[in-house]
Amino acid sequence: MPDRSALAKGLVGANPIEPRTYLVELKGITKAFGPTLAAADIDFAVAASYVVGLVGGNGAGKSTLMRILCGITAPTLGRLSFDGVEDSFTNYDAGAAQRRGVRMVHQELSLCATLTVAEKLLRRRLAARKPQTRLA
């Protein structure tokens, strides 16, 4: 079984030479809902040009971690950095995450069942377009 810290950093099977800074890095992320720990001391980092898949069992904290990264949920503890510069979770929300280019494709398939992944990611741009009339 791979090292948990390597899994959390998205580095399993990746080049073992780590870059000095990451596009985004979460350190020591913990989220408690009352007495329940949804995420406990998770480190997660993504380097430039990497595509990361987050895999784990039910209740492992994947969705909670991504909701924190997307600014939807505030962590109980932890730190956030972009390009090696630490940021505060105090004013970090979904708008701040989107301005930094953070997006998430939710696992809830019924939200927009008829749209492709690309259409879901571009839905605001598509909605802003004016309807075009076709000439016969």
N, C-alpha and C. Protein backbone atom coordinates (compact mmCIF):
# COMPACT_ATOMS: atom_id res chain seq x y z
N MET A 1 0.85 -1.18 0.00
CA MET A 1 0.00 0.00 0.00
C MET A 1 0.89 1.24 0.00
N PRO A 2 0.58 2.23 -0.85
CA PRO A 2 1.40 3.43 -0.92
C PRO A 2 1.35 4.24 0.37
N ASP A 3 2.41 5.03 0.57
CA ASP A 3 2.50 5.93 1.72
C ASP A 3 1.34 6.91 1.70
N ARG A 4 0.63 7.05 2.84
CA ARG A 4 -0.55 7.94 2.91
C ARG A 4 -0.20 9.39 2.60
N SER A 5 0.96 9.85 3.06
CA SER A 5 1.33 11.24 2.78
C SER A 5 1.56 11.45 1.29
N ALA A 6 2.09 10.44 0.60
CA ALA A 6 2.26 10.55 -0.86
C ALA A 6 0.90 10.57 -1.54
N LEU A 7 -0.03 9.76 -1.05
CA LEU A 7 -1.39 9.78 -1.61
C LEU A 7 -2.03 11.15 -1.43
N ALA A 8 -1.91 11.70 -0.24
CA ALA A 8 -2.53 12.98 0.05
C ALA A 8 -1.93 14.10 -0.78
N LYS A 9 -0.67 13.96 -1.16
CA LYS A 9 -0.03 14.99 -1.97
C LYS A 9 -0.25 14.76 -3.46
N GLY A 10 -0.96 13.71 -3.81
CA GLY A 10 -1.25 13.46 -5.21
C GLY A 10 -0.01 13.07 -5.98
N LEU A 11 0.94 12.41 -5.32
CA LEU A 11 2.22 12.12 -5.95
C LEU A 11 2.45 10.65 -6.25
N VAL A 12 1.48 9.79 -5.99
CA VAL A 12 1.67 8.38 -6.26
C VAL A 12 1.79 8.18 -7.76
N GLY A 13 2.85 7.55 -8.19
CA GLY A 13 3.09 7.32 -9.61
C GLY A 13 3.62 8.54 -10.33
N ALA A 14 3.81 9.64 -9.63
CA ALA A 14 4.31 10.86 -10.25
C ALA A 14 5.83 10.89 -10.12
N ASN A 15 6.43 11.87 -10.76
CA ASN A 15 7.86 12.07 -10.68
C ASN A 15 8.25 12.28 -9.22
N PRO A 16 9.22 11.52 -8.70
CA PRO A 16 9.56 11.64 -7.28
C PRO A 16 10.25 12.96 -6.93
N ILE A 17 10.67 13.75 -7.92
CA ILE A 17 11.29 15.03 -7.64
C ILE A 17 10.18 16.06 -7.46
N GLU A 18 10.00 16.53 -6.25
CA GLU A 18 8.92 17.46 -5.96
C GLU A 18 9.33 18.88 -6.35
N PRO A 19 8.41 19.64 -6.92
CA PRO A 19 8.72 21.04 -7.23
C PRO A 19 8.85 21.85 -5.93
N ARG A 20 9.49 23.00 -6.01
CA ARG A 20 9.66 23.84 -4.82
C ARG A 20 8.33 24.43 -4.37
N THR A 21 7.51 24.84 -5.32
CA THR A 21 6.21 25.39 -4.95
C THR A 21 5.13 24.68 -5.75
N TYR A 22 3.95 24.69 -5.20
CA TYR A 22 2.80 24.07 -5.84
C TYR A 22 1.84 25.17 -6.28
N LEU A 23 1.02 24.85 -7.27
CA LEU A 23 -0.03 25.79 -7.63
C LEU A 23 -0.96 26.01 -6.45
N VAL A 24 -1.28 24.92 -5.80
CA VAL A 24 -2.12 24.99 -4.59
C VAL A 24 -1.63 23.93 -3.61
N GLU A 25 -1.65 24.31 -2.33
CA GLU A 25 -1.23 23.38 -1.29
C GLU A 25 -2.09 23.58 -0.05
N LEU A 26 -2.62 22.48 0.44
CA LEU A 26 -3.37 22.46 1.69
C LEU A 26 -2.53 21.68 2.70
N LYS A 27 -2.38 22.20 3.90
CA LYS A 27 -1.57 21.51 4.92
C LYS A 27 -2.35 21.40 6.22
N GLY A 28 -2.32 20.21 6.79
CA GLY A 28 -2.94 19.98 8.09
C GLY A 28 -4.43 20.24 8.13
N ILE A 29 -5.10 19.99 7.00
CA ILE A 29 -6.53 20.28 6.92
C ILE A 29 -7.31 19.31 7.81
N THR A 30 -8.08 19.91 8.70
CA THR A 30 -8.95 19.16 9.60
C THR A 30 -10.32 19.82 9.57
N LYS A 31 -11.36 19.00 9.50
CA LYS A 31 -12.72 19.51 9.55
C LYS A 31 -13.53 18.63 10.48
N ALA A 32 -14.08 19.28 11.51
CA ALA A 32 -14.94 18.57 12.46
C ALA A 32 -16.35 19.09 12.35
N PHE A 33 -17.29 18.18 12.33
CA PHE A 33 -18.71 18.51 12.42
C PHE A 33 -19.16 17.97 13.77
N GLY A 34 -19.15 18.85 14.78
CA GLY A 34 -19.40 18.39 16.14
C GLY A 34 -18.30 17.43 16.54
N PRO A 35 -18.64 16.26 17.08
CA PRO A 35 -17.62 15.31 17.49
C PRO A 35 -17.07 14.46 16.32
N THR A 36 -17.64 14.61 15.14
CA THR A 36 -17.24 13.79 13.99
C THR A 36 -16.16 14.48 13.17
N LEU A 37 -15.04 13.78 12.96
CA LEU A 37 -13.97 14.30 12.11
C LEU A 37 -14.22 13.84 10.68
N ALA A 38 -14.53 14.77 9.80
CA ALA A 38 -14.75 14.45 8.39
C ALA A 38 -13.43 14.41 7.65
N ALA A 39 -12.45 15.16 8.12
CA ALA A 39 -11.10 15.18 7.55
C ALA A 39 -10.14 15.44 8.71
N ALA A 40 -9.04 14.71 8.76
CA ALA A 40 -8.12 14.84 9.88
C ALA A 40 -6.68 14.96 9.39
N ASP A 41 -6.10 16.15 9.55
CA ASP A 41 -4.68 16.41 9.29
C ASP A 41 -4.25 15.98 7.88
N ILE A 42 -4.98 16.45 6.88
CA ILE A 42 -4.70 16.06 5.49
C ILE A 42 -3.79 17.09 4.83
N ASP A 43 -2.77 16.61 4.15
CA ASP A 43 -1.91 17.43 3.30
C ASP A 43 -2.24 17.08 1.86
N PHE A 44 -2.41 18.10 1.02
CA PHE A 44 -2.76 17.88 -0.39
C PHE A 44 -2.10 18.99 -1.21
N ALA A 45 -1.42 18.61 -2.29
CA ALA A 45 -0.75 19.61 -3.12
C ALA A 45 -0.87 19.22 -4.58
N VAL A 46 -0.96 20.23 -5.45
CA VAL A 46 -1.02 20.00 -6.89
C VAL A 46 0.01 20.89 -7.56
N ALA A 47 0.87 20.28 -8.35
CA ALA A 47 1.91 21.01 -9.08
C ALA A 47 1.40 21.40 -10.46
N ALA A 48 2.06 22.37 -11.06
CA ALA A 48 1.70 22.82 -12.41
C ALA A 48 1.73 21.65 -13.38
N SER A 49 0.78 21.61 -14.27
CA SER A 49 0.61 20.62 -15.35
C SER A 49 0.24 19.22 -14.87
N TYR A 50 -0.10 19.08 -13.59
CA TYR A 50 -0.54 17.78 -13.07
C TYR A 50 -2.06 17.70 -13.11
N VAL A 51 -2.55 16.53 -13.38
CA VAL A 51 -3.97 16.22 -13.25
C VAL A 51 -4.05 15.24 -12.09
N VAL A 52 -4.89 15.55 -11.12
CA VAL A 52 -4.94 14.74 -9.91
C VAL A 52 -6.32 14.14 -9.76
N GLY A 53 -6.36 12.85 -9.51
CA GLY A 53 -7.60 12.17 -9.17
C GLY A 53 -7.55 11.83 -7.69
N LEU A 54 -8.61 12.10 -6.99
CA LEU A 54 -8.67 11.84 -5.56
C LEU A 54 -9.55 10.61 -5.35
N VAL A 55 -8.97 9.55 -4.81
CA VAL A 55 -9.67 8.28 -4.68
C VAL A 55 -9.60 7.83 -3.23
N GLY A 56 -10.70 7.27 -2.74
CA GLY A 56 -10.72 6.74 -1.38
C GLY A 56 -12.09 6.17 -1.06
N GLY A 57 -12.15 5.48 0.01
CA GLY A 57 -13.40 4.85 0.43
C GLY A 57 -14.41 5.86 0.91
N ASN A 58 -15.64 5.40 1.08
CA ASN A 58 -16.70 6.26 1.62
C ASN A 58 -16.29 6.76 3.00
N GLY A 59 -16.47 8.06 3.23
CA GLY A 59 -16.14 8.63 4.53
C GLY A 59 -14.68 8.97 4.72
N ALA A 60 -13.88 8.88 3.65
CA ALA A 60 -12.44 9.16 3.77
C ALA A 60 -12.13 10.65 3.82
N GLY A 61 -13.09 11.50 3.45
CA GLY A 61 -12.87 12.94 3.51
C GLY A 61 -12.61 13.60 2.17
N LYS A 62 -12.78 12.86 1.07
CA LYS A 62 -12.50 13.41 -0.27
C LYS A 62 -13.39 14.62 -0.58
N SER A 63 -14.68 14.45 -0.43
CA SER A 63 -15.61 15.54 -0.74
C SER A 63 -15.40 16.72 0.21
N THR A 64 -15.17 16.45 1.46
CA THR A 64 -14.93 17.52 2.43
C THR A 64 -13.69 18.31 2.05
N LEU A 65 -12.61 17.62 1.69
CA LEU A 65 -11.37 18.29 1.29
C LEU A 65 -11.60 19.16 0.06
N MET A 66 -12.32 18.65 -0.92
CA MET A 66 -12.57 19.43 -2.13
C MET A 66 -13.51 20.61 -1.86
N ARG A 67 -14.47 20.43 -0.96
CA ARG A 67 -15.36 21.54 -0.60
C ARG A 67 -14.56 22.64 0.11
N ILE A 68 -13.56 22.26 0.88
CA ILE A 68 -12.68 23.25 1.52
C ILE A 68 -11.85 23.97 0.46
N LEU A 69 -11.25 23.21 -0.46
CA LEU A 69 -10.44 23.82 -1.52
C LEU A 69 -11.28 24.76 -2.38
N CYS A 70 -12.54 24.41 -2.62
CA CYS A 70 -13.43 25.23 -3.45
C CYS A 70 -14.08 26.38 -2.68
N GLY A 71 -13.77 26.50 -1.39
CA GLY A 71 -14.29 27.62 -0.61
C GLY A 71 -15.73 27.47 -0.16
N ILE A 72 -16.28 26.28 -0.31
CA ILE A 72 -17.67 26.04 0.07
C ILE A 72 -17.77 25.77 1.57
N THR A 73 -16.76 25.09 2.12
CA THR A 73 -16.73 24.72 3.53
C THR A 73 -15.44 25.25 4.14
N ALA A 74 -15.53 25.85 5.32
CA ALA A 74 -14.33 26.32 6.01
C ALA A 74 -13.75 25.19 6.86
N PRO A 75 -12.42 25.06 6.89
CA PRO A 75 -11.84 24.01 7.73
C PRO A 75 -11.85 24.41 9.19
N THR A 76 -11.73 23.43 10.06
CA THR A 76 -11.57 23.68 11.48
C THR A 76 -10.14 24.11 11.76
N LEU A 77 -9.19 23.45 11.09
CA LEU A 77 -7.76 23.75 11.19
C LEU A 77 -7.13 23.58 9.82
N GLY A 78 -5.99 24.22 9.62
CA GLY A 78 -5.23 23.99 8.41
C GLY A 78 -4.77 25.26 7.74
N ARG A 79 -3.90 25.08 6.74
CA ARG A 79 -3.33 26.21 6.01
C ARG A 79 -3.51 26.00 4.52
N LEU A 80 -3.55 27.12 3.79
CA LEU A 80 -3.77 27.14 2.35
C LEU A 80 -2.70 28.01 1.71
N SER A 81 -2.09 27.53 0.62
CA SER A 81 -1.10 28.32 -0.12
C SER A 81 -1.38 28.21 -1.61
N PHE A 82 -1.15 29.32 -2.32
CA PHE A 82 -1.20 29.35 -3.77
C PHE A 82 0.15 29.84 -4.26
N ASP A 83 0.77 29.09 -5.15
CA ASP A 83 2.09 29.43 -5.69
C ASP A 83 3.09 29.73 -4.58
N GLY A 84 3.01 28.98 -3.48
CA GLY A 84 3.95 29.13 -2.39
C GLY A 84 3.67 30.27 -1.44
N VAL A 85 2.59 31.03 -1.68
CA VAL A 85 2.24 32.16 -0.82
C VAL A 85 1.03 31.75 0.03
N GLU A 86 1.24 31.77 1.35
CA GLU A 86 0.16 31.36 2.24
C GLU A 86 -0.99 32.37 2.21
N ASP A 87 -2.19 31.85 2.20
CA ASP A 87 -3.40 32.66 2.19
C ASP A 87 -4.20 32.30 3.43
N SER A 88 -5.12 33.15 3.80
CA SER A 88 -5.94 32.92 4.99
C SER A 88 -7.29 32.35 4.57
N PHE A 89 -7.82 31.45 5.38
CA PHE A 89 -9.17 30.94 5.14
C PHE A 89 -10.22 31.95 5.60
N THR A 90 -9.80 33.01 6.29
CA THR A 90 -10.75 33.99 6.82
C THR A 90 -11.65 34.57 5.74
N ASN A 91 -11.08 34.99 4.62
CA ASN A 91 -11.86 35.59 3.54
C ASN A 91 -11.92 34.68 2.31
N TYR A 92 -11.59 33.42 2.49
CA TYR A 92 -11.57 32.48 1.37
C TYR A 92 -12.94 31.84 1.24
N ASP A 93 -13.60 32.12 0.12
CA ASP A 93 -14.92 31.55 -0.13
C ASP A 93 -14.96 31.05 -1.57
N ALA A 94 -16.13 30.63 -2.03
CA ALA A 94 -16.26 30.08 -3.38
C ALA A 94 -15.83 31.10 -4.43
N GLY A 95 -16.16 32.37 -4.23
CA GLY A 95 -15.76 33.41 -5.18
C GLY A 95 -14.25 33.56 -5.25
N ALA A 96 -13.59 33.56 -4.10
CA ALA A 96 -12.12 33.66 -4.06
C ALA A 96 -11.49 32.45 -4.75
N ALA A 97 -12.04 31.27 -4.50
CA ALA A 97 -11.52 30.05 -5.14
C ALA A 97 -11.67 30.14 -6.65
N GLN A 98 -12.82 30.59 -7.12
CA GLN A 98 -13.05 30.69 -8.56
C GLN A 98 -12.13 31.72 -9.20
N ARG A 99 -11.87 32.83 -8.51
CA ARG A 99 -10.94 33.83 -9.05
C ARG A 99 -9.53 33.27 -9.18
N ARG A 100 -9.20 32.28 -8.38
CA ARG A 100 -7.90 31.63 -8.45
C ARG A 100 -7.90 30.44 -9.43
N GLY A 101 -9.04 30.20 -10.06
CA GLY A 101 -9.12 29.14 -11.06
C GLY A 101 -9.48 27.78 -10.51
N VAL A 102 -9.91 27.72 -9.26
CA VAL A 102 -10.28 26.44 -8.64
C VAL A 102 -11.70 26.09 -9.06
N ARG A 103 -11.87 24.89 -9.61
CA ARG A 103 -13.17 24.38 -10.01
C ARG A 103 -13.30 22.93 -9.56
N MET A 104 -14.52 22.49 -9.41
CA MET A 104 -14.75 21.10 -9.03
C MET A 104 -15.95 20.58 -9.80
N VAL A 105 -15.81 19.38 -10.33
CA VAL A 105 -16.95 18.70 -10.94
C VAL A 105 -17.52 17.81 -9.84
N HIS A 106 -18.73 18.14 -9.41
CA HIS A 106 -19.35 17.42 -8.29
C HIS A 106 -19.74 16.02 -8.70
N GLN A 107 -19.73 15.12 -7.73
CA GLN A 107 -20.07 13.73 -8.00
C GLN A 107 -21.57 13.49 -8.08
N GLU A 108 -22.35 14.48 -7.74
CA GLU A 108 -23.80 14.33 -7.82
C GLU A 108 -24.23 14.41 -9.28
N LEU A 109 -24.55 13.27 -9.84
CA LEU A 109 -24.82 13.18 -11.28
C LEU A 109 -26.14 13.80 -11.69
N SER A 110 -27.09 13.89 -10.76
CA SER A 110 -28.42 14.36 -11.13
C SER A 110 -28.53 15.88 -11.23
N LEU A 111 -27.49 16.63 -10.84
CA LEU A 111 -27.59 18.08 -10.85
C LEU A 111 -27.82 18.64 -12.26
N CYS A 112 -27.08 18.17 -13.20
CA CYS A 112 -27.20 18.61 -14.59
C CYS A 112 -27.02 17.38 -15.48
N ALA A 113 -27.95 16.48 -15.38
CA ALA A 113 -27.81 15.17 -16.00
C ALA A 113 -27.62 15.22 -17.51
N THR A 114 -28.13 16.25 -18.17
CA THR A 114 -28.05 16.30 -19.63
C THR A 114 -26.82 17.03 -20.14
N LEU A 115 -26.01 17.59 -19.25
CA LEU A 115 -24.82 18.34 -19.68
C LEU A 115 -23.57 17.48 -19.64
N THR A 116 -22.65 17.77 -20.55
CA THR A 116 -21.34 17.12 -20.51
C THR A 116 -20.50 17.80 -19.44
N VAL A 117 -19.35 17.22 -19.10
CA VAL A 117 -18.44 17.83 -18.14
C VAL A 117 -18.01 19.21 -18.63
N ALA A 118 -17.67 19.32 -19.91
CA ALA A 118 -17.25 20.61 -20.48
C ALA A 118 -18.36 21.65 -20.36
N GLU A 119 -19.59 21.25 -20.64
CA GLU A 119 -20.72 22.18 -20.53
C GLU A 119 -20.94 22.62 -19.07
N LYS A 120 -20.74 21.69 -18.13
CA LYS A 120 -20.88 22.04 -16.72
C LYS A 120 -19.82 23.07 -16.31
N LEU A 121 -18.58 22.87 -16.77
CA LEU A 121 -17.50 23.79 -16.42
C LEU A 121 -17.70 25.16 -17.07
N LEU A 122 -18.31 25.18 -18.24
CA LEU A 122 -18.47 26.43 -18.99
C LEU A 122 -19.89 26.98 -18.91
N ARG A 123 -20.71 26.49 -18.00
CA ARG A 123 -22.12 26.85 -17.98
C ARG A 123 -22.38 28.34 -17.85
N ARG A 124 -21.56 29.05 -17.10
CA ARG A 124 -21.76 30.50 -16.97
C ARG A 124 -21.50 31.21 -18.29
N ARG A 125 -20.45 30.78 -18.98
CA ARG A 125 -20.16 31.39 -20.29
C ARG A 125 -21.27 31.09 -21.28
N LEU A 126 -21.74 29.84 -21.25
CA LEU A 126 -22.81 29.45 -22.16
C LEU A 126 -24.09 30.21 -21.85
N ALA A 127 -24.39 30.44 -20.58
CA ALA A 127 -25.61 31.14 -20.20
C ALA A 127 -25.56 32.61 -20.59
N ALA A 128 -24.35 33.17 -20.66
CA ALA A 128 -24.20 34.58 -20.99
C ALA A 128 -24.38 34.86 -22.50
N ARG A 129 -24.27 33.80 -23.29
CA ARG A 129 -24.43 33.97 -24.73
C ARG A 129 -25.86 34.27 -25.10
N LYS A 130 -26.02 35.12 -26.08
CA LYS A 130 -27.37 35.41 -26.58
C LYS A 130 -27.78 34.31 -27.53
N PRO A 131 -29.03 33.93 -27.53
CA PRO A 131 -29.49 32.92 -28.48
C PRO A 131 -29.24 33.37 -29.92
N GLN A 132 -28.79 32.45 -30.72
CA GLN A 132 -28.52 32.77 -32.11
C GLN A 132 -29.64 32.24 -32.99
N THR A 133 -30.00 33.01 -33.99
CA THR A 133 -31.06 32.61 -34.89
C THR A 133 -30.43 31.99 -36.13
N ARG A 134 -30.94 30.85 -36.51
CA ARG A 134 -30.45 30.20 -37.72
C ARG A 134 -31.29 30.63 -38.91
N LEU A 135 -30.62 30.93 -39.97
CA LEU A 135 -31.32 31.25 -41.20
C LEU A 135 -31.40 30.00 -42.05
N ALA A 136 -32.57 29.74 -42.59
CA ALA A 136 -32.76 28.53 -43.39
C ALA A 136 -32.25 28.72 -44.79
